[in-house]
């Protein structure tokens, strides 16, 4: 039986005690599930951690049912899109600093998901090199931007 991403997430939310509706939208590399609920703050969690965990669990459940299921991205109340816009803005400001001063700019430690957003935002920036660096005391990595020589 093929995996049912929307139904799986709805059942998971119901089991967790959330009254929510889910809208499904196709993406070029997967599926976007938009959750509408009155309790969005609790579902998003601190710095989006609960939302990230929910997305991870949903993808694991779907993969268990069907290994060919497309990857699911979950958002609650537009949180991810606002966070993505903020990250892209931060990357562009860092690029301007690198260009203006010629120094290395280090962005704060972030998750792999957030780093991918940064790298996607920088892919067309000529003369800028970006790389991830380990940060002591955390599992997250920082992104370093520097002029490309």
N, C-alpha and C. Protein backbone atom coordinates (compact mmCIF):
# COMPACT_ATOMS: atom_id res chain seq x y z
N UNK A 1 0.84 -1.19 0.00
CA UNK A 1 0.00 0.00 0.00
C UNK A 1 0.88 1.25 0.00
N UNK A 2 0.64 2.18 -0.94
CA UNK A 2 1.48 3.39 -0.98
C UNK A 2 1.27 4.26 0.26
N UNK A 3 2.32 4.96 0.63
CA UNK A 3 2.26 5.84 1.81
C UNK A 3 1.31 7.00 1.53
N UNK A 4 0.62 7.46 2.57
CA UNK A 4 -0.31 8.57 2.49
C UNK A 4 0.21 9.70 3.38
N UNK A 5 1.07 10.58 2.86
CA UNK A 5 1.70 11.61 3.71
C UNK A 5 0.71 12.46 4.50
N UNK A 6 -0.33 13.00 3.85
CA UNK A 6 -1.29 13.88 4.51
C UNK A 6 -2.02 13.12 5.63
N UNK A 7 -2.51 11.93 5.32
CA UNK A 7 -3.25 11.13 6.31
C UNK A 7 -2.33 10.71 7.46
N UNK A 8 -1.08 10.39 7.16
CA UNK A 8 -0.12 9.99 8.19
C UNK A 8 0.12 11.13 9.16
N UNK A 9 0.35 12.35 8.63
CA UNK A 9 0.59 13.51 9.49
C UNK A 9 -0.66 13.85 10.30
N UNK A 10 -1.82 13.80 9.67
CA UNK A 10 -3.06 14.09 10.40
C UNK A 10 -3.25 13.12 11.56
N UNK A 11 -2.97 11.84 11.33
CA UNK A 11 -3.12 10.84 12.39
C UNK A 11 -2.10 11.08 13.50
N UNK A 12 -0.87 11.42 13.14
CA UNK A 12 0.18 11.70 14.12
C UNK A 12 -0.21 12.90 14.99
N UNK A 13 -0.69 13.96 14.36
CA UNK A 13 -1.11 15.16 15.10
C UNK A 13 -2.28 14.84 16.03
N UNK A 14 -3.24 14.07 15.53
CA UNK A 14 -4.40 13.69 16.35
C UNK A 14 -3.94 12.86 17.56
N UNK A 15 -3.03 11.91 17.33
CA UNK A 15 -2.49 11.08 18.41
C UNK A 15 -1.77 11.92 19.46
N UNK A 16 -1.09 12.98 19.00
CA UNK A 16 -0.37 13.87 19.91
C UNK A 16 -1.29 14.88 20.60
N UNK A 17 -2.58 14.89 20.21
CA UNK A 17 -3.54 15.76 20.87
C UNK A 17 -3.70 17.13 20.25
N UNK A 18 -3.31 17.29 18.99
CA UNK A 18 -3.45 18.57 18.31
C UNK A 18 -4.68 18.57 17.41
N UNK A 19 -5.47 19.62 17.49
CA UNK A 19 -6.61 19.81 16.60
C UNK A 19 -6.08 20.62 15.42
N UNK A 20 -5.88 19.96 14.28
CA UNK A 20 -5.25 20.63 13.15
C UNK A 20 -5.78 20.09 11.83
N UNK A 21 -5.68 20.93 10.80
CA UNK A 21 -5.96 20.48 9.44
C UNK A 21 -4.66 20.58 8.65
N UNK A 22 -4.55 19.74 7.62
CA UNK A 22 -3.32 19.70 6.82
C UNK A 22 -3.67 19.91 5.35
N UNK A 23 -2.96 20.83 4.72
CA UNK A 23 -3.09 21.04 3.27
C UNK A 23 -1.85 20.48 2.60
N UNK A 24 -2.05 19.81 1.47
CA UNK A 24 -0.96 19.15 0.76
C UNK A 24 -0.66 19.92 -0.54
N UNK A 25 0.64 20.22 -0.78
CA UNK A 25 1.05 20.92 -1.99
C UNK A 25 2.28 20.22 -2.57
N UNK A 26 2.27 19.89 -3.87
CA UNK A 26 3.45 19.25 -4.46
C UNK A 26 4.62 20.23 -4.58
N UNK A 27 5.83 19.71 -4.38
CA UNK A 27 7.07 20.46 -4.61
C UNK A 27 7.84 19.73 -5.70
N UNK A 28 8.81 20.40 -6.31
CA UNK A 28 9.56 19.71 -7.36
C UNK A 28 10.38 18.54 -6.83
N UNK A 29 10.77 18.59 -5.55
CA UNK A 29 11.57 17.50 -4.99
C UNK A 29 10.89 16.83 -3.80
N UNK A 30 9.55 16.87 -3.77
CA UNK A 30 8.86 16.22 -2.66
C UNK A 30 7.45 16.74 -2.48
N UNK A 31 7.06 16.86 -1.23
CA UNK A 31 5.70 17.25 -0.90
C UNK A 31 5.74 18.23 0.26
N UNK A 32 4.90 19.26 0.18
CA UNK A 32 4.81 20.27 1.24
C UNK A 32 3.50 20.08 1.96
N UNK A 33 3.55 19.90 3.28
CA UNK A 33 2.36 19.78 4.10
C UNK A 33 2.26 21.00 5.01
N UNK A 34 1.20 21.76 4.83
CA UNK A 34 0.99 22.99 5.59
C UNK A 34 -0.04 22.72 6.68
N UNK A 35 0.37 22.85 7.93
CA UNK A 35 -0.50 22.56 9.08
C UNK A 35 -1.17 23.84 9.56
N UNK A 36 -2.48 23.78 9.71
CA UNK A 36 -3.25 24.91 10.25
C UNK A 36 -3.78 24.48 11.61
N UNK A 37 -3.42 25.25 12.66
CA UNK A 37 -3.87 24.92 14.02
C UNK A 37 -3.89 26.18 14.88
N UNK A 38 -4.71 26.14 15.91
CA UNK A 38 -4.75 27.25 16.88
C UNK A 38 -3.54 27.19 17.82
N UNK A 39 -2.92 26.03 17.89
CA UNK A 39 -1.84 25.78 18.85
C UNK A 39 -0.47 25.75 18.15
N UNK A 40 -0.25 26.69 17.22
CA UNK A 40 0.95 26.64 16.40
C UNK A 40 2.24 26.81 17.21
N UNK A 41 2.23 27.63 18.24
CA UNK A 41 3.44 27.85 19.04
C UNK A 41 3.98 26.56 19.65
N UNK A 42 3.09 25.76 20.19
CA UNK A 42 3.51 24.48 20.80
C UNK A 42 4.00 23.50 19.74
N UNK A 43 3.40 23.56 18.56
CA UNK A 43 3.78 22.64 17.49
C UNK A 43 5.10 23.05 16.83
N UNK A 44 5.39 24.34 16.82
CA UNK A 44 6.66 24.83 16.25
C UNK A 44 7.79 24.59 17.23
N UNK A 45 7.56 24.91 18.51
CA UNK A 45 8.59 24.69 19.52
C UNK A 45 9.65 25.77 19.49
N UNK A 46 10.59 25.65 20.41
CA UNK A 46 11.66 26.64 20.54
C UNK A 46 12.59 26.55 19.34
N UNK A 47 12.75 27.65 18.64
CA UNK A 47 13.57 27.75 17.43
C UNK A 47 13.20 26.70 16.39
N UNK A 48 11.90 26.32 16.37
CA UNK A 48 11.43 25.38 15.36
C UNK A 48 11.80 23.93 15.62
N UNK A 49 12.32 23.63 16.81
CA UNK A 49 12.81 22.27 17.09
C UNK A 49 11.69 21.23 17.05
N UNK A 50 10.53 21.54 17.63
CA UNK A 50 9.42 20.58 17.62
C UNK A 50 8.94 20.34 16.19
N UNK A 51 8.89 21.39 15.40
CA UNK A 51 8.51 21.27 13.99
C UNK A 51 9.51 20.38 13.24
N UNK A 52 10.80 20.58 13.48
CA UNK A 52 11.82 19.74 12.85
C UNK A 52 11.66 18.28 13.25
N UNK A 53 11.39 18.05 14.53
CA UNK A 53 11.19 16.68 15.02
C UNK A 53 9.95 16.05 14.40
N UNK A 54 8.89 16.83 14.27
CA UNK A 54 7.65 16.34 13.66
C UNK A 54 7.90 15.95 12.20
N UNK A 55 8.65 16.79 11.50
CA UNK A 55 8.97 16.49 10.10
C UNK A 55 9.80 15.22 10.00
N UNK A 56 10.79 15.08 10.88
CA UNK A 56 11.63 13.88 10.89
C UNK A 56 10.79 12.63 11.13
N UNK A 57 9.94 12.67 12.18
CA UNK A 57 9.09 11.52 12.50
C UNK A 57 8.16 11.17 11.34
N UNK A 58 7.55 12.17 10.75
CA UNK A 58 6.62 11.93 9.64
C UNK A 58 7.36 11.26 8.48
N UNK A 59 8.54 11.77 8.13
CA UNK A 59 9.31 11.18 7.04
C UNK A 59 9.73 9.74 7.36
N UNK A 60 10.09 9.47 8.62
CA UNK A 60 10.47 8.10 9.02
C UNK A 60 9.27 7.16 8.91
N UNK A 61 8.10 7.60 9.38
CA UNK A 61 6.90 6.78 9.29
C UNK A 61 6.55 6.48 7.83
N UNK A 62 6.64 7.48 6.98
CA UNK A 62 6.32 7.30 5.56
C UNK A 62 7.31 6.36 4.89
N UNK A 63 8.59 6.52 5.21
CA UNK A 63 9.64 5.69 4.63
C UNK A 63 9.45 4.22 5.04
N UNK A 64 8.97 4.00 6.27
CA UNK A 64 8.69 2.64 6.74
C UNK A 64 7.61 1.98 5.88
N UNK A 65 6.63 2.79 5.46
CA UNK A 65 5.52 2.27 4.66
C UNK A 65 5.92 2.06 3.20
N UNK A 66 6.74 2.97 2.67
CA UNK A 66 7.10 2.94 1.26
C UNK A 66 8.45 3.65 1.08
N UNK A 67 9.47 2.89 0.70
CA UNK A 67 10.82 3.48 0.60
C UNK A 67 10.97 4.44 -0.57
N UNK A 68 10.00 4.48 -1.47
CA UNK A 68 10.07 5.39 -2.62
C UNK A 68 9.24 6.66 -2.42
N UNK A 69 8.71 6.84 -1.22
CA UNK A 69 7.86 8.00 -0.95
C UNK A 69 8.70 9.28 -1.07
N UNK A 70 8.11 10.35 -1.66
CA UNK A 70 8.85 11.62 -1.74
C UNK A 70 9.05 12.22 -0.35
N UNK A 71 10.13 12.96 -0.18
CA UNK A 71 10.42 13.61 1.10
C UNK A 71 9.37 14.68 1.37
N UNK A 72 8.96 14.76 2.63
CA UNK A 72 7.91 15.68 3.04
C UNK A 72 8.53 16.85 3.82
N UNK A 73 8.09 18.06 3.49
CA UNK A 73 8.46 19.24 4.26
C UNK A 73 7.20 19.74 4.94
N UNK A 74 7.29 20.02 6.23
CA UNK A 74 6.13 20.45 7.01
C UNK A 74 6.34 21.88 7.49
N UNK A 75 5.27 22.67 7.39
CA UNK A 75 5.30 24.03 7.94
C UNK A 75 4.04 24.24 8.78
N UNK A 76 4.16 25.09 9.78
CA UNK A 76 3.03 25.43 10.64
C UNK A 76 2.91 26.95 10.66
N UNK A 77 1.76 27.45 10.22
CA UNK A 77 1.50 28.89 10.28
C UNK A 77 2.52 29.76 9.56
N UNK A 78 3.13 29.25 8.50
CA UNK A 78 4.11 30.03 7.75
C UNK A 78 5.45 30.21 8.44
N UNK A 79 5.70 29.47 9.54
CA UNK A 79 6.94 29.63 10.30
C UNK A 79 8.17 29.38 9.44
N UNK A 80 8.18 28.27 8.71
CA UNK A 80 9.36 27.91 7.90
C UNK A 80 9.63 28.93 6.81
N UNK A 81 8.58 29.40 6.14
CA UNK A 81 8.81 30.36 5.07
C UNK A 81 9.36 31.68 5.62
N UNK A 82 8.87 32.11 6.79
CA UNK A 82 9.41 33.34 7.41
C UNK A 82 10.85 33.11 7.85
N UNK A 83 11.13 31.95 8.43
CA UNK A 83 12.49 31.63 8.87
C UNK A 83 13.43 31.56 7.67
N UNK A 84 12.95 30.98 6.57
CA UNK A 84 13.77 30.88 5.35
C UNK A 84 14.10 32.27 4.82
N UNK A 85 13.11 33.14 4.77
CA UNK A 85 13.35 34.51 4.31
C UNK A 85 14.38 35.21 5.18
N UNK A 86 14.29 35.02 6.50
CA UNK A 86 15.25 35.63 7.43
C UNK A 86 16.66 35.08 7.19
N UNK A 87 16.78 33.78 6.94
CA UNK A 87 18.10 33.19 6.67
C UNK A 87 18.69 33.71 5.37
N UNK A 88 17.87 33.80 4.34
CA UNK A 88 18.34 34.32 3.05
C UNK A 88 18.81 35.76 3.21
N UNK A 89 18.06 36.55 3.97
CA UNK A 89 18.44 37.95 4.22
C UNK A 89 19.77 38.02 4.97
N UNK A 90 19.93 37.15 5.97
CA UNK A 90 21.17 37.10 6.75
C UNK A 90 22.36 36.74 5.84
N UNK A 91 22.15 35.80 4.93
CA UNK A 91 23.21 35.39 4.00
C UNK A 91 23.60 36.56 3.09
N UNK A 92 22.62 37.28 2.60
CA UNK A 92 22.90 38.41 1.71
C UNK A 92 23.65 39.53 2.43
N UNK A 93 23.27 39.78 3.70
CA UNK A 93 23.98 40.79 4.49
C UNK A 93 25.43 40.36 4.73
N UNK A 94 25.64 39.07 4.97
CA UNK A 94 27.00 38.56 5.18
C UNK A 94 27.83 38.69 3.90
N UNK A 95 27.22 38.43 2.75
CA UNK A 95 27.91 38.58 1.46
C UNK A 95 28.36 40.03 1.28
N UNK A 96 27.49 40.98 1.62
CA UNK A 96 27.84 42.40 1.51
C UNK A 96 29.03 42.75 2.40
N UNK A 97 29.07 42.20 3.61
CA UNK A 97 30.19 42.45 4.52
C UNK A 97 31.49 41.88 3.95
N UNK A 98 31.41 40.67 3.39
CA UNK A 98 32.61 40.05 2.80
C UNK A 98 33.10 40.91 1.64
N UNK A 99 32.18 41.35 0.80
CA UNK A 99 32.58 42.19 -0.35
C UNK A 99 33.14 43.53 0.09
N UNK A 100 32.52 44.13 1.12
CA UNK A 100 32.95 45.45 1.57
C UNK A 100 34.31 45.41 2.27
N UNK A 101 34.49 44.45 3.18
CA UNK A 101 35.69 44.42 4.01
C UNK A 101 36.72 43.38 3.59
N UNK A 102 36.32 42.40 2.80
CA UNK A 102 37.26 41.36 2.37
C UNK A 102 37.63 40.37 3.45
N UNK A 103 36.90 40.40 4.57
CA UNK A 103 37.17 39.50 5.68
C UNK A 103 36.26 38.28 5.64
N UNK A 104 36.62 37.30 6.45
CA UNK A 104 35.76 36.13 6.64
C UNK A 104 34.61 36.52 7.55
N UNK A 105 33.40 36.12 7.20
CA UNK A 105 32.22 36.36 8.03
C UNK A 105 31.69 35.00 8.47
N UNK A 106 31.48 34.86 9.77
CA UNK A 106 30.97 33.61 10.32
C UNK A 106 29.52 33.79 10.76
N UNK A 107 28.65 32.96 10.23
CA UNK A 107 27.25 32.96 10.66
C UNK A 107 27.13 32.04 11.86
N UNK A 108 26.11 32.27 12.70
CA UNK A 108 25.95 31.47 13.92
C UNK A 108 25.74 29.99 13.60
N UNK A 109 26.05 29.11 14.55
CA UNK A 109 25.83 27.67 14.33
C UNK A 109 24.37 27.39 13.99
N UNK A 110 24.16 26.52 13.00
CA UNK A 110 22.80 26.20 12.58
C UNK A 110 22.70 24.75 12.13
N UNK A 111 21.47 24.29 12.00
CA UNK A 111 21.22 22.91 11.60
C UNK A 111 21.57 22.70 10.12
N UNK A 112 21.67 21.45 9.72
CA UNK A 112 21.96 21.12 8.32
C UNK A 112 20.86 21.68 7.41
N UNK A 113 19.61 21.62 7.86
CA UNK A 113 18.48 22.14 7.08
C UNK A 113 18.69 23.63 6.80
N UNK A 114 19.04 24.40 7.84
CA UNK A 114 19.27 25.83 7.67
C UNK A 114 20.50 26.12 6.82
N UNK A 115 21.55 25.32 6.98
CA UNK A 115 22.76 25.52 6.16
C UNK A 115 22.45 25.31 4.67
N UNK A 116 21.59 24.33 4.36
CA UNK A 116 21.21 24.09 2.96
C UNK A 116 20.50 25.33 2.38
N UNK A 117 19.69 25.99 3.18
CA UNK A 117 19.01 27.21 2.73
C UNK A 117 20.05 28.29 2.43
N UNK A 118 21.04 28.43 3.30
CA UNK A 118 22.12 29.41 3.10
C UNK A 118 22.88 29.11 1.81
N UNK A 119 23.29 27.85 1.63
CA UNK A 119 24.04 27.48 0.43
C UNK A 119 23.23 27.72 -0.84
N UNK A 120 21.93 27.41 -0.80
CA UNK A 120 21.07 27.64 -1.97
C UNK A 120 21.00 29.14 -2.28
N UNK A 121 20.93 29.97 -1.25
CA UNK A 121 20.86 31.42 -1.43
C UNK A 121 22.17 31.98 -2.00
N UNK A 122 23.29 31.30 -1.74
CA UNK A 122 24.60 31.81 -2.16
C UNK A 122 25.11 31.21 -3.47
N UNK A 123 24.39 30.25 -4.03
CA UNK A 123 24.92 29.53 -5.19
C UNK A 123 25.24 30.42 -6.39
N UNK A 124 24.54 31.53 -6.53
CA UNK A 124 24.78 32.43 -7.67
C UNK A 124 25.64 33.64 -7.32
N UNK A 125 26.17 33.67 -6.10
CA UNK A 125 27.00 34.81 -5.68
C UNK A 125 28.44 34.62 -6.16
N UNK A 126 28.82 35.38 -7.18
CA UNK A 126 30.17 35.29 -7.73
C UNK A 126 31.20 35.84 -6.74
N UNK A 127 32.33 35.19 -6.65
CA UNK A 127 33.43 35.69 -5.83
C UNK A 127 33.29 35.40 -4.35
N UNK A 128 32.30 34.61 -3.97
CA UNK A 128 32.09 34.28 -2.55
C UNK A 128 32.19 32.76 -2.38
N UNK A 129 32.93 32.36 -1.37
CA UNK A 129 33.09 30.94 -1.05
C UNK A 129 32.47 30.69 0.32
N UNK A 130 31.73 29.60 0.43
CA UNK A 130 31.08 29.28 1.71
C UNK A 130 31.45 27.86 2.11
N UNK A 131 31.68 27.66 3.40
CA UNK A 131 31.94 26.31 3.89
C UNK A 131 31.46 26.19 5.33
N UNK A 132 31.12 24.97 5.71
CA UNK A 132 30.66 24.71 7.07
C UNK A 132 31.86 24.41 7.95
N UNK A 133 31.76 24.82 9.21
CA UNK A 133 32.85 24.58 10.17
C UNK A 133 32.26 24.06 11.48
N UNK A 134 32.93 23.09 12.07
CA UNK A 134 32.51 22.54 13.36
C UNK A 134 32.54 23.65 14.42
N UNK A 135 31.60 23.58 15.35
CA UNK A 135 31.58 24.53 16.47
C UNK A 135 31.67 23.70 17.74
N UNK A 136 32.68 23.98 18.53
CA UNK A 136 32.88 23.21 19.75
C UNK A 136 31.70 23.34 20.70
N UNK A 137 31.30 22.22 21.28
CA UNK A 137 30.24 22.22 22.27
C UNK A 137 28.83 22.14 21.69
N UNK A 138 28.71 21.94 20.38
CA UNK A 138 27.39 21.83 19.76
C UNK A 138 27.46 20.86 18.58
N UNK A 139 26.31 20.31 18.22
CA UNK A 139 26.26 19.42 17.05
C UNK A 139 26.02 20.24 15.79
N UNK A 140 25.73 21.52 15.94
CA UNK A 140 25.47 22.38 14.79
C UNK A 140 26.80 22.89 14.22
N UNK A 141 26.75 23.34 12.97
CA UNK A 141 27.94 23.89 12.33
C UNK A 141 27.67 25.32 11.90
N UNK A 142 28.73 26.11 11.88
CA UNK A 142 28.63 27.50 11.42
C UNK A 142 28.98 27.54 9.93
N UNK A 143 28.47 28.53 9.22
CA UNK A 143 28.83 28.74 7.83
C UNK A 143 29.81 29.90 7.78
N UNK A 144 30.95 29.67 7.15
CA UNK A 144 31.97 30.70 6.98
C UNK A 144 31.91 31.19 5.54
N UNK A 145 31.85 32.52 5.37
CA UNK A 145 31.86 33.13 4.03
C UNK A 145 33.16 33.89 3.88
N UNK A 146 33.79 33.74 2.71
CA UNK A 146 35.04 34.46 2.46
C UNK A 146 35.15 34.77 0.97
N UNK A 147 35.99 35.75 0.64
CA UNK A 147 36.19 36.04 -0.79
C UNK A 147 36.86 34.85 -1.47
N UNK A 148 36.43 34.56 -2.69
CA UNK A 148 37.04 33.48 -3.46
C UNK A 148 38.24 34.07 -4.20
N UNK A 149 39.38 33.40 -4.09
CA UNK A 149 40.60 33.95 -4.73
C UNK A 149 40.89 33.25 -6.02
